[in-house]
C-alpha atoms as a PDB file:
ATOM      1  CA  MET A   1     -88.626  -0.160 -56.543  1.00  0.00           C
ATOM      2  CA  SER A   2     -89.851   0.388 -60.074  1.00  0.00           C
ATOM      3  CA  ASP A   3     -92.511  -2.290 -59.518  1.00  0.00           C
ATOM      4  CA  LEU A   4     -93.897  -0.281 -56.623  1.00  0.00           C
ATOM      5  CA  LYS A   5     -94.059   2.913 -58.654  1.00  0.00           C
ATOM      6  CA  ASN A   6     -95.932   1.299 -61.533  1.00  0.00           C
ATOM      7  CA  SER A   7     -98.344  -0.807 -59.503  1.00  0.00           C
ATOM      8  CA  THR A   8    -101.719   0.450 -58.398  1.00  0.00           C
ATOM      9  CA  ALA A   9    -102.939  -0.538 -54.987  1.00  0.00           C
ATOM     10  CA  ASP A  10    -105.764  -3.052 -54.914  1.00  0.00           C
ATOM     11  CA  PHE A  11    -108.026  -2.763 -51.892  1.00  0.00           C
ATOM     12  CA  THR A  12    -110.901  -4.915 -53.180  1.00  0.00           C
ATOM     13  CA  ASP A  13    -110.667  -7.235 -50.148  1.00  0.00           C
ATOM     14  CA  ASP A  14    -110.888  -4.191 -47.866  1.00  0.00           C
ATOM     15  CA  GLY A  15    -113.910  -2.926 -49.791  1.00  0.00           C
ATOM     16  CA  ALA A  16    -115.672  -6.282 -49.584  1.00  0.00           C
ATOM     17  CA  TRP A  17    -114.946  -6.465 -45.852  1.00  0.00           C
ATOM     18  CA  MET A  18    -116.306  -2.977 -45.256  1.00  0.00           C
ATOM     19  CA  ARG A  19    -119.468  -3.616 -47.296  1.00  0.00           C
ATOM     20  CA  SER A  20    -120.087  -6.807 -45.314  1.00  0.00           C
ATOM     21  CA  GLN A  21    -119.661  -4.945 -42.012  1.00  0.00           C
ATOM     22  CA  LEU A  22    -122.100  -2.221 -43.053  1.00  0.00           C
ATOM     23  CA  GLU A  23    -124.624  -4.857 -44.086  1.00  0.00           C
ATOM     24  CA  ARG A  24    -124.099  -6.753 -40.843  1.00  0.00           C
ATOM     25  CA  ILE A  25    -124.885  -3.687 -38.715  1.00  0.00           C
ATOM     26  CA  GLY A  26    -127.708  -2.570 -41.009  1.00  0.00           C
ATOM     27  CA  GLU A  27    -126.078   0.755 -41.837  1.00  0.00           C
ATOM     28  CA  THR A  28    -125.766   2.658 -45.093  1.00  0.00           C
ATOM     29  CA  GLN A  29    -122.695   4.552 -46.234  1.00  0.00           C
ATOM     30  CA  ALA A  30    -124.518   7.857 -45.721  1.00  0.00           C
ATOM     31  CA  GLY A  31    -125.735   6.727 -42.297  1.00  0.00           C
ATOM     32  CA  LEU A  32    -122.195   5.842 -41.251  1.00  0.00           C
ATOM     33  CA  ALA A  33    -120.996   9.259 -42.438  1.00  0.00           C
ATOM     34  CA  ARG A  34    -123.668  11.012 -40.359  1.00  0.00           C
ATOM     35  CA  PHE A  35    -122.782   8.846 -37.352  1.00  0.00           C
ATOM     36  CA  LEU A  36    -119.104   9.780 -37.683  1.00  0.00           C
ATOM     37  CA  GLN A  37    -119.938  13.475 -37.946  1.00  0.00           C
ATOM     38  CA  ARG A  38    -122.263  13.353 -34.918  1.00  0.00           C
ATOM     39  CA  ASN A  39    -119.513  11.665 -32.951  1.00  0.00           C
ATOM     40  CA  GLY A  40    -116.677  14.076 -33.624  1.00  0.00           C
ATOM     41  CA  ASP A  41    -115.499  13.813 -37.236  1.00  0.00           C
ATOM     42  CA  ASN A  42    -115.166  17.500 -38.074  1.00  0.00           C
ATOM     43  CA  ARG A  43    -114.842  17.084 -41.852  1.00  0.00           C
ATOM     44  CA  GLU A  44    -117.603  18.190 -44.197  1.00  0.00           C
ATOM     45  CA  LEU A  45    -120.247  15.483 -44.574  1.00  0.00           C
ATOM     46  CA  THR A  46    -119.552  15.199 -48.318  1.00  0.00           C
ATOM     47  CA  ASN A  47    -115.861  14.538 -47.600  1.00  0.00           C
ATOM     48  CA  ILE A  48    -116.702  11.842 -45.062  1.00  0.00           C
ATOM     49  CA  GLU A  49    -119.124  10.224 -47.530  1.00  0.00           C
ATOM     50  CA  ARG A  50    -116.531  10.332 -50.334  1.00  0.00           C
ATOM     51  CA  SER A  51    -113.957   8.655 -48.082  1.00  0.00           C
ATOM     52  CA  ILE A  52    -116.427   5.921 -47.132  1.00  0.00           C
ATOM     53  CA  ARG A  53    -117.453   5.399 -50.783  1.00  0.00           C
ATOM     54  CA  ARG A  54    -113.797   4.984 -51.785  1.00  0.00           C
ATOM     55  CA  MET A  55    -113.219   2.431 -49.020  1.00  0.00           C
ATOM     56  CA  THR A  56    -116.346   0.402 -49.831  1.00  0.00           C
ATOM     57  CA  ALA A  57    -115.501   0.461 -53.545  1.00  0.00           C
ATOM     58  CA  GLY A  58    -112.031  -0.901 -52.810  1.00  0.00           C
ATOM     59  CA  ASP A  59    -110.360   2.248 -54.130  1.00  0.00           C
ATOM     60  CA  ALA A  60    -108.820   3.119 -50.753  1.00  0.00           C
ATOM     61  CA  ARG A  61    -107.503   1.156 -47.805  1.00  0.00           C
ATOM     62  CA  VAL A  62    -109.874   0.712 -44.864  1.00  0.00           C
ATOM     63  CA  SER A  63    -107.951   2.396 -42.055  1.00  0.00           C
ATOM     64  CA  GLY A  64    -107.328   0.792 -38.709  1.00  0.00           C
ATOM     65  CA  GLU A  65    -109.496   3.452 -37.117  1.00  0.00           C
ATOM     66  CA  MET A  66    -112.409   2.638 -39.429  1.00  0.00           C
ATOM     67  CA  ARG A  67    -111.984  -1.073 -38.694  1.00  0.00           C
ATOM     68  CA  ALA A  68    -112.125  -0.297 -34.970  1.00  0.00           C
ATOM     69  CA  ILE A  69    -115.211   1.915 -35.360  1.00  0.00           C
ATOM     70  CA  LEU A  70    -117.039  -0.727 -37.396  1.00  0.00           C
ATOM     71  CA  GLY A  71    -116.049  -3.390 -34.851  1.00  0.00           C
ATOM     72  CA  ILE A  72    -117.465  -1.291 -32.019  1.00  0.00           C
ATOM     73  CA  LEU A  73    -120.668  -0.633 -33.980  1.00  0.00           C
ATOM     74  CA  ARG A  74    -121.004  -4.349 -34.785  1.00  0.00           C
ATOM     75  CA  LYS A  75    -120.672  -5.283 -31.101  1.00  0.00           C
ATOM     76  CA  ARG A  76    -123.155  -2.579 -30.126  1.00  0.00           C
ATOM     77  CA  HIS A  77    -125.604  -3.853 -32.755  1.00  0.00           C
ATOM     78  CA  GLU A  78    -125.230  -7.457 -31.567  1.00  0.00           C
ATOM     79  CA  ARG A  79    -125.732  -6.401 -27.936  1.00  0.00           C
ATOM     80  CA  ALA A  80    -128.839  -4.417 -28.887  1.00  0.00           C
ATOM     81  CA  ALA A  81    -130.290  -7.390 -30.786  1.00  0.00           C
ATOM     82  CA  TYR A  82    -129.671  -9.606 -27.761  1.00  0.00           C
ATOM     83  CA  GLN A  83    -131.258  -7.123 -25.326  1.00  0.00           C
ATOM     84  CA  ALA A  84    -134.286  -6.524 -27.565  1.00  0.00           C
ATOM     85  CA  GLN A  85    -135.396 -10.132 -27.210  1.00  0.00           C
ATOM     86  CA  PHE A  86    -135.825  -9.732 -23.445  1.00  0.00           C
ATOM     87  CA  LEU A  87    -138.020  -6.628 -23.508  1.00  0.00           C
ATOM     88  CA  ASP A  88    -141.761  -7.004 -23.037  1.00  0.00           C
ATOM     89  CA  TRP A  89    -143.129  -5.832 -26.401  1.00  0.00           C
ATOM     90  CA  ASP A  90    -146.836  -4.938 -26.743  1.00  0.00           C
ATOM     91  CA  ASP A  91    -148.558  -6.979 -29.424  1.00  0.00           C
ATOM     92  CA  VAL A  92    -151.036  -5.561 -31.909  1.00  0.00           C
ATOM     93  CA  ASP A  93    -152.610  -8.244 -34.071  1.00  0.00           C
ATOM     94  CA  GLY A  94    -149.832 -10.629 -33.043  1.00  0.00           C
ATOM     95  CA  VAL A  95    -147.066  -8.199 -34.037  1.00  0.00           C
ATOM     96  CA  PRO A  96    -144.744  -6.685 -31.403  1.00  0.00           C
ATOM     97  CA  THR A  97    -144.970  -2.928 -31.836  1.00  0.00           C
ATOM     98  CA  ALA A  98    -143.888  -1.024 -28.705  1.00  0.00           C
ATOM     99  CA  THR A  99    -142.170  -1.285 -25.359  1.00  0.00           C
ATOM    100  CA  THR A 100    -141.129   1.090 -22.598  1.00  0.00           C
ATOM    101  CA  HIS A 101    -137.601   1.020 -21.231  1.00  0.00           C
ATOM    102  CA  ASP A 102    -135.672   3.434 -19.010  1.00  0.00           C
ATOM    103  CA  GLY A 103    -137.910   6.455 -19.653  1.00  0.00           C
ATOM    104  CA  TYR A 104    -138.222   5.859 -23.400  1.00  0.00           C
ATOM    105  CA  THR A 105    -140.814   4.295 -25.661  1.00  0.00           C
ATOM    106  CA  LEU A 106    -139.406   2.124 -28.432  1.00  0.00           C
ATOM    107  CA  ARG A 107    -141.776   1.695 -31.386  1.00  0.00           C
ATOM    108  CA  ILE A 108    -141.627  -0.321 -34.545  1.00  0.00           C
ATOM    109  CA  THR A 109    -144.303   0.272 -37.143  1.00  0.00           C
ATOM    110  CA  PRO A 110    -145.053  -1.654 -40.316  1.00  0.00           C
ATOM    111  CA  GLN A 111    -144.385   0.160 -43.583  1.00  0.00           C
ATOM    112  CA  LYS A 112    -145.119  -0.770 -47.170  1.00  0.00           C
ATOM    113  CA  GLY A 113    -143.291  -3.694 -48.706  1.00  0.00           C
ATOM    114  CA  SER A 114    -142.991  -5.750 -45.499  1.00  0.00           C
ATOM    115  CA  ARG A 115    -140.574  -3.213 -44.023  1.00  0.00           C
ATOM    116  CA  TRP A 116    -140.409  -1.807 -40.499  1.00  0.00           C
ATOM    117  CA  LEU A 117    -139.616   1.645 -39.141  1.00  0.00           C
ATOM    118  CA  ALA A 118    -137.964   2.021 -35.715  1.00  0.00           C
ATOM    119  CA  GLN A 119    -138.520   5.056 -33.486  1.00  0.00           C
ATOM    120  CA  VAL A 120    -137.512   6.014 -29.924  1.00  0.00           C
ATOM    121  CA  ASP A 121    -139.354   8.698 -27.906  1.00  0.00           C
ATOM    122  CA  HIS A 122    -138.219  10.237 -24.602  1.00  0.00           C
ATOM    123  CA  HIS A 123    -141.094  10.456 -22.099  1.00  0.00           C
ATOM    124  CA  GLY A 124    -140.077  13.680 -20.353  1.00  0.00           C
ATOM    125  CA  THR A 125    -139.232  15.863 -23.341  1.00  0.00           C
ATOM    126  CA  GLY A 126    -140.950  14.232 -26.290  1.00  0.00           C
ATOM    127  CA  TYR A 127    -137.562  14.097 -28.047  1.00  0.00           C
ATOM    128  CA  SER A 128    -137.737  11.523 -30.826  1.00  0.00           C
ATOM    129  CA  VAL A 129    -135.151   9.602 -32.847  1.00  0.00           C
ATOM    130  CA  THR A 130    -136.257   7.850 -36.037  1.00  0.00           C
ATOM    131  CA  PHE A 131    -134.005   5.429 -37.870  1.00  0.00           C
ATOM    132  CA  ARG A 132    -133.628   6.224 -41.553  1.00  0.00           C
ATOM    133  CA  PRO A 133    -133.695   2.978 -43.555  1.00  0.00           C
ATOM    134  CA  TRP A 134    -136.632   0.681 -43.082  1.00  0.00           C
ATOM    135  CA  GLU A 135    -135.767  -2.727 -41.728  1.00  0.00           C
ATOM    136  CA  ALA A 136    -136.641  -5.985 -43.464  1.00  0.00           C
ATOM    137  CA  SER A 137    -137.812  -7.864 -40.361  1.00  0.00           C
ATOM    138  CA  VAL A 138    -139.420  -7.274 -36.985  1.00  0.00           C
ATOM    139  CA  GLU A 139    -136.343  -8.637 -35.192  1.00  0.00           C
ATOM    140  CA  LYS A 140    -134.004  -6.271 -37.051  1.00  0.00           C
ATOM    141  CA  ALA A 141    -136.293  -3.333 -36.311  1.00  0.00           C
ATOM    142  CA  LYS A 142    -136.275  -4.243 -32.599  1.00  0.00           C
ATOM    143  CA  ALA A 143    -132.468  -4.353 -32.607  1.00  0.00           C
ATOM    144  CA  VAL A 144    -132.302  -0.985 -34.366  1.00  0.00           C
ATOM    145  CA  ALA A 145    -134.694   0.522 -31.811  1.00  0.00           C
ATOM    146  CA  MET A 146    -132.425  -0.687 -28.985  1.00  0.00           C
ATOM    147  CA  SER A 147    -129.370   0.778 -30.747  1.00  0.00           C
ATOM    148  CA  MET A 148    -131.213   4.063 -31.152  1.00  0.00           C
ATOM    149  CA  LEU A 149    -131.896   4.071 -27.419  1.00  0.00           C
ATOM    150  CA  ASP A 150    -128.147   4.394 -26.790  1.00  0.00           C
ATOM    151  CA  GLU A 151    -127.989   7.342 -29.170  1.00  0.00           C
ATOM    152  CA  ALA A 152    -131.057   9.012 -27.666  1.00  0.00           C
ATOM    153  CA  ARG A 153    -129.512   8.784 -24.197  1.00  0.00           C
ATOM    154  CA  ARG A 154    -126.481  10.768 -25.366  1.00  0.00           C
ATOM    155  CA  ARG A 155    -128.535  13.655 -26.738  1.00  0.00           C
ATOM    156  CA  PRO A 156    -128.875  16.838 -24.694  1.00  0.00           C
ATOM    157  CA  GLU A 157    -132.535  17.187 -25.758  1.00  0.00           C
ATOM    158  CA  THR A 158    -133.449  14.353 -23.381  1.00  0.00           C
ATOM    159  CA  GLY A 159    -132.210  16.227 -20.333  1.00  0.00           C
ATOM    160  CA  ARG A 160    -129.746  13.499 -19.382  1.00  0.00           C
END
């Protein structure tokens, strides 16, 4: 028992796992915190961010719930990347930049430093969702745009 009292928990493997999952889905710690708040986490945003920072730093255990959430987000991201390849993207100067799908326009636009910005617009209302971090490749930006389509569909501003 005394060994348990004097030992400090080491969650570095958990932290490494969580960082790899965030990288895999192309999400930041702050972006994950905002996602959790939008989807029902009623804590203050700063408290959610602090909890995520502690988990990614290996200072706290990654809960089973967080593992499940990240697993769901990873599968959603992989599905979006798969679906994005089958959409008919308009080319401008040989670069795919826009497509229309299910009442939405998905756009990816080049930014400085070979980065890409993804945006989704609803045709009926003009409601727009823009993804925060710029993506490093066209394919990643397409996948992000498809993921954003799911989020845009859930918003009341789109009338759905």
